[in-house]
Amino acid sequence: TVKYQSMEPKDAALLAATCVGQFLACHACGTVLFDVVHTVAHVLPRKAMLSRWHHYHHKFQGANLKILGQFEAENLTNHLVPEWLTSLVPAAVVAASATPLGWVQLTALTFLVVRSIVFVVAGLIMKGRDSNHVELDKVQVCKNWVLVGPHYHALHHVFPGQYMSSFVKLLDYILGTAAAPLAGRKFVLTGAGGALGGAFEKRLRAEGATVHTLKHGKDYARDGEALDHFAYHAVDPALDALLGACDVLLLCHGVKSDDMAECVKGNCTSHLALIERYLRCREAARKPNDVMFPEVWGVGSEAEFHPLIPSEIVCYGKSKRQMMRHAAAYMDRHDMMYRHIVPAAFTSQMGPGLVSADWMVRVSLWFICRGAQYVPASYTPFGYLHWFKMMFVTRIAAADTLAKAK
């Protein structure tokens, strides 16, 4: 006679949660392991077998995100099956280490194997056209900090050496491959005459980027003196063509003055004018195979967060906070990438600091290479605490303002 012992509901819930947790852990470990193998395939020479296999996957869906049916068979055999086998390795490790297997482990492993079989069968039926491999006319910005979506993975096909993760973004955060490579990208930079702008120009050129610098009064100028007038006219007729062809607009210019009107023009409305003009030029110059979104890097300040002391920075801080509200709205958009760089005090023409502008640039690029939209290039707690204000106060207020405007 077999006697069954009743189980309390809370114990049953705990065991079920443990089972689900083990399943998710094995699944995540399997995908991260695949990401490591995937990265190795890109690092190895093209003649290596693993690299040759994976190359068919990028032939199947190229940088223009169009799928070529003639490579379906090679993609299934050289990419889909190896991915499936790699995902089963953590399950095999758990099965080998847990002896005897409890029903929790057995259930989790059963779910994992069933999930893998369903994945392969679905991939075969859809001929490799799964949720991460769809044809896109234009990539949108992925806002999920943890999980990979179709638009994020599409960026890997645009930039094969970047965006290596397939399910969770862990490996990209470790390797710094969660952003487009700097080498070969075209930047338009303002404020190159300043310490931070000059340091950005030097570092970007060293990384292999093409940098075009703009100077107020020479390459562009304000139309009128109204503070809310965002329109700019081109002094240089080639400005629109330059903006239309650039990948990233980097705004490093600014004004620190006791004149509030000048601070607003230099730190807010001039930024907005150039951003809006850049977006219009990029859209007008967009070619059929151009799937990338426009990208803007704007330099903010810790004065957006801390008390405006001493009095010399009151106008500067208020104008930066005006721009911060617009920056928060830009950061919520999916059709463009806006990165808000918040440096601490550094040595420049505006005053002394504990660190150099080059240090600020290196820290900024470290965060940007890991996909950060809010970039705390800071050695103080203000830059990191400001993230909470930017994410959960300013962005919500900006979203409410836009909703009311619509």
Foldseek 3Di string as FASTA:
>chain_A
DDDDDDDDPVVVVVLVVLLVVVLVVLQVVLQVQVLVLLLVLVVDPCPDPLVVLCVLVLVQQALLLDGDPVSLVSCLVSPLVVSLVSSCVSLVVCPVPDPPDDVSNVSSSVVNVVVSVVSSVVCVVVSNCDQLRDRDQAAWDDPDQFFDGNSLSSVCNNVVNASSGDTTCVVLLVVLRSAHQLAAAEEEEEPCVKFLNVLLVVVSVVSHHHYHYDYEPQQWYDDDQDLQRLAIDGPDPCVLVSLLPGQEYEYDWADQAPDLSRRLCTQASPVSSVVVSSQVSVVVSDDRSPRYAHEYEYEAELLCFDPQPDPSCPSNSVSSVVRLLVLLQVCPGTRYQAAYEYEYDDDIPVHHDPHGSNQLSVQQSSVVSSPHSYRQSYPDCSSVVVVCCSPPPSNVVSVVVVVVVD
